[in-house]
């Protein structure tokens, strides 16, 4: 059955807005398309937008970020690994099928994965 809707915006409620915003902008180099300082920022991913919204999330457990994973498919992982090295961001490399996967976490524990079909190690 075909979808009758297309996902366009992924909204993430975040506790430490400044740290998470900085991470998505600096580490992922995402383009900001809308910014309400201190409360909301929207990044462009091409077909989909990611919106960060400041929220105290008092009822959420400390490991709530572990329930989220965002995956990017890349032609070459070496570029992202180079950026992660320069920014001193911890990452994990894993062999998956005929390619590799690099995982990082944002400041609140959300997993961001970069997958490549390339068999060349990063």
C-alpha atoms as a PDB file:
ATOM      1  CA  UNK A   1       0.000   0.000   0.000  1.00  0.00           C
ATOM      2  CA  UNK A   2       1.562   3.327  -1.001  1.00  0.00           C
ATOM      3  CA  UNK A   3       1.927   6.078   1.563  1.00  0.00           C
ATOM      4  CA  UNK A   4      -0.725   8.761   1.352  1.00  0.00           C
ATOM      5  CA  UNK A   5       1.598  11.211   3.102  1.00  0.00           C
ATOM      6  CA  UNK A   6       5.255  12.091   2.947  1.00  0.00           C
ATOM      7  CA  UNK A   7       7.226  12.754   6.116  1.00  0.00           C
ATOM      8  CA  UNK A   8       8.670  16.266   5.904  1.00  0.00           C
ATOM      9  CA  UNK A   9       9.716  17.346   9.403  1.00  0.00           C
ATOM     10  CA  UNK A  10      11.311  15.348  12.191  1.00  0.00           C
ATOM     11  CA  UNK A  11      10.869  17.223  15.474  1.00  0.00           C
ATOM     12  CA  UNK A  12      13.201  16.423  18.358  1.00  0.00           C
ATOM     13  CA  UNK A  13      12.472  17.768  21.815  1.00  0.00           C
ATOM     14  CA  UNK A  14      15.771  18.519  23.527  1.00  0.00           C
ATOM     15  CA  UNK A  15      16.806  19.423  27.060  1.00  0.00           C
ATOM     16  CA  UNK A  16      20.120  21.168  26.367  1.00  0.00           C
ATOM     17  CA  UNK A  17      19.093  23.197  23.345  1.00  0.00           C
ATOM     18  CA  UNK A  18      22.400  25.071  22.926  1.00  0.00           C
ATOM     19  CA  UNK A  19      24.569  21.926  23.040  1.00  0.00           C
ATOM     20  CA  UNK A  20      22.365  19.897  20.694  1.00  0.00           C
ATOM     21  CA  UNK A  21      21.957  22.812  18.251  1.00  0.00           C
ATOM     22  CA  UNK A  22      25.708  23.343  18.166  1.00  0.00           C
ATOM     23  CA  UNK A  23      26.317  19.616  17.584  1.00  0.00           C
ATOM     24  CA  UNK A  24      23.916  19.365  14.632  1.00  0.00           C
ATOM     25  CA  UNK A  25      25.273  22.576  13.091  1.00  0.00           C
ATOM     26  CA  UNK A  26      29.016  22.086  13.702  1.00  0.00           C
ATOM     27  CA  UNK A  27      29.475  18.312  13.558  1.00  0.00           C
ATOM     28  CA  UNK A  28      26.886  17.466  10.902  1.00  0.00           C
ATOM     29  CA  UNK A  29      27.290  20.788   9.049  1.00  0.00           C
ATOM     30  CA  UNK A  30      23.537  21.001   8.578  1.00  0.00           C
ATOM     31  CA  UNK A  31      22.152  24.162   7.001  1.00  0.00           C
ATOM     32  CA  UNK A  32      19.929  26.260   9.278  1.00  0.00           C
ATOM     33  CA  UNK A  33      16.778  27.417   7.507  1.00  0.00           C
ATOM     34  CA  UNK A  34      14.855  28.801  10.486  1.00  0.00           C
ATOM     35  CA  UNK A  35      16.161  29.861  13.863  1.00  0.00           C
ATOM     36  CA  UNK A  36      14.369  31.167  16.927  1.00  0.00           C
ATOM     37  CA  UNK A  37      17.347  31.640  19.277  1.00  0.00           C
ATOM     38  CA  UNK A  38      17.121  29.580  22.438  1.00  0.00           C
ATOM     39  CA  UNK A  39      13.911  27.766  21.546  1.00  0.00           C
ATOM     40  CA  UNK A  40      13.678  26.301  18.020  1.00  0.00           C
ATOM     41  CA  UNK A  41      15.983  25.664  15.079  1.00  0.00           C
ATOM     42  CA  UNK A  42      15.218  23.903  11.799  1.00  0.00           C
ATOM     43  CA  UNK A  43      17.885  22.223   9.672  1.00  0.00           C
ATOM     44  CA  UNK A  44      17.570  21.258   6.009  1.00  0.00           C
ATOM     45  CA  UNK A  45      18.349  17.649   5.047  1.00  0.00           C
ATOM     46  CA  UNK A  46      17.077  17.977   1.484  1.00  0.00           C
ATOM     47  CA  UNK A  47      13.734  16.163   1.384  1.00  0.00           C
ATOM     48  CA  UNK A  48      13.277  16.228   5.157  1.00  0.00           C
ATOM     49  CA  UNK A  49      13.768  18.878   7.829  1.00  0.00           C
ATOM     50  CA  UNK A  50      14.983  18.308  11.384  1.00  0.00           C
ATOM     51  CA  UNK A  51      13.522  20.700  13.937  1.00  0.00           C
ATOM     52  CA  UNK A  52      14.989  20.951  17.424  1.00  0.00           C
ATOM     53  CA  UNK A  53      12.613  22.317  20.054  1.00  0.00           C
ATOM     54  CA  UNK A  54      13.709  23.235  23.575  1.00  0.00           C
ATOM     55  CA  UNK A  55      11.702  21.306  26.123  1.00  0.00           C
ATOM     56  CA  UNK A  56      12.453  20.518  29.751  1.00  0.00           C
ATOM     57  CA  UNK A  57      11.169  16.927  29.287  1.00  0.00           C
ATOM     58  CA  UNK A  58      10.774  16.512  33.039  1.00  0.00           C
ATOM     59  CA  UNK A  59       8.954  13.203  32.636  1.00  0.00           C
ATOM     60  CA  UNK A  60      11.541  11.626  30.310  1.00  0.00           C
ATOM     61  CA  UNK A  61      14.158   9.204  31.597  1.00  0.00           C
ATOM     62  CA  UNK A  62      17.844  10.047  31.240  1.00  0.00           C
ATOM     63  CA  UNK A  63      18.359   7.475  28.471  1.00  0.00           C
ATOM     64  CA  UNK A  64      15.466   8.650  26.267  1.00  0.00           C
ATOM     65  CA  UNK A  65      17.891   9.438  23.429  1.00  0.00           C
ATOM     66  CA  UNK A  66      18.737   5.757  23.055  1.00  0.00           C
ATOM     67  CA  UNK A  67      15.319   5.155  21.490  1.00  0.00           C
ATOM     68  CA  UNK A  68      16.181   7.272  18.451  1.00  0.00           C
ATOM     69  CA  UNK A  69      18.492   6.597  15.506  1.00  0.00           C
ATOM     70  CA  UNK A  70      18.931   8.731  12.409  1.00  0.00           C
ATOM     71  CA  UNK A  71      20.779   7.109   9.505  1.00  0.00           C
ATOM     72  CA  UNK A  72      22.550   8.815   6.608  1.00  0.00           C
ATOM     73  CA  UNK A  73      23.807   6.887   3.555  1.00  0.00           C
ATOM     74  CA  UNK A  74      27.087   8.177   2.148  1.00  0.00           C
ATOM     75  CA  UNK A  75      29.244   7.252  -0.837  1.00  0.00           C
ATOM     76  CA  UNK A  76      32.414   7.617   1.190  1.00  0.00           C
ATOM     77  CA  UNK A  77      32.776   7.471   4.975  1.00  0.00           C
ATOM     78  CA  UNK A  78      36.288   8.938   5.012  1.00  0.00           C
ATOM     79  CA  UNK A  79      34.954  12.520   4.729  1.00  0.00           C
ATOM     80  CA  UNK A  80      32.736  12.242   7.820  1.00  0.00           C
ATOM     81  CA  UNK A  81      35.467  10.406   9.745  1.00  0.00           C
ATOM     82  CA  UNK A  82      37.901  13.212   8.903  1.00  0.00           C
ATOM     83  CA  UNK A  83      35.463  15.804  10.268  1.00  0.00           C
ATOM     84  CA  UNK A  84      34.870  13.729  13.409  1.00  0.00           C
ATOM     85  CA  UNK A  85      38.645  13.521  13.995  1.00  0.00           C
ATOM     86  CA  UNK A  86      39.065  17.288  13.572  1.00  0.00           C
ATOM     87  CA  UNK A  87      36.218  18.000  15.992  1.00  0.00           C
ATOM     88  CA  UNK A  88      37.355  15.333  18.515  1.00  0.00           C
ATOM     89  CA  UNK A  89      34.011  13.518  18.313  1.00  0.00           C
ATOM     90  CA  UNK A  90      34.018   9.897  19.512  1.00  0.00           C
ATOM     91  CA  UNK A  91      32.721   7.382  16.996  1.00  0.00           C
ATOM     92  CA  UNK A  92      32.395   3.645  16.467  1.00  0.00           C
ATOM     93  CA  UNK A  93      33.082   1.866  13.160  1.00  0.00           C
ATOM     94  CA  UNK A  94      31.284  -1.393  12.411  1.00  0.00           C
ATOM     95  CA  UNK A  95      31.419  -3.708   9.383  1.00  0.00           C
ATOM     96  CA  UNK A  96      27.931  -4.323   7.956  1.00  0.00           C
ATOM     97  CA  UNK A  97      27.498  -6.624   4.996  1.00  0.00           C
ATOM     98  CA  UNK A  98      29.582  -5.247   2.133  1.00  0.00           C
ATOM     99  CA  UNK A  99      30.003  -1.837   3.733  1.00  0.00           C
ATOM    100  CA  UNK A 100      30.634  -0.035   6.968  1.00  0.00           C
ATOM    101  CA  UNK A 101      28.724   1.994   9.523  1.00  0.00           C
ATOM    102  CA  UNK A 102      30.008   4.853  11.669  1.00  0.00           C
ATOM    103  CA  UNK A 103      27.945   5.687  14.762  1.00  0.00           C
ATOM    104  CA  UNK A 104      28.111   8.844  16.860  1.00  0.00           C
ATOM    105  CA  UNK A 105      25.783  10.187  19.523  1.00  0.00           C
ATOM    106  CA  UNK A 106      24.503  13.697  19.990  1.00  0.00           C
ATOM    107  CA  UNK A 107      24.857  15.405  23.390  1.00  0.00           C
ATOM    108  CA  UNK A 108      21.637  13.775  24.636  1.00  0.00           C
ATOM    109  CA  UNK A 109      22.365  10.238  23.468  1.00  0.00           C
ATOM    110  CA  UNK A 110      20.564  10.085  20.120  1.00  0.00           C
ATOM    111  CA  UNK A 111      22.400   7.778  17.716  1.00  0.00           C
ATOM    112  CA  UNK A 112      23.428   9.133  14.331  1.00  0.00           C
ATOM    113  CA  UNK A 113      24.651   6.511  11.861  1.00  0.00           C
ATOM    114  CA  UNK A 114      26.541   6.983   8.618  1.00  0.00           C
ATOM    115  CA  UNK A 115      26.466   3.977   6.284  1.00  0.00           C
ATOM    116  CA  UNK A 116      28.510   3.318   3.179  1.00  0.00           C
ATOM    117  CA  UNK A 117      28.455   0.451   0.724  1.00  0.00           C
ATOM    118  CA  UNK A 118      32.176   1.042   0.178  1.00  0.00           C
ATOM    119  CA  UNK A 119      34.483  -1.694   1.444  1.00  0.00           C
ATOM    120  CA  UNK A 120      37.349   0.764   1.875  1.00  0.00           C
ATOM    121  CA  UNK A 121      37.968   1.408   5.595  1.00  0.00           C
ATOM    122  CA  UNK A 122      37.507   4.999   6.749  1.00  0.00           C
END
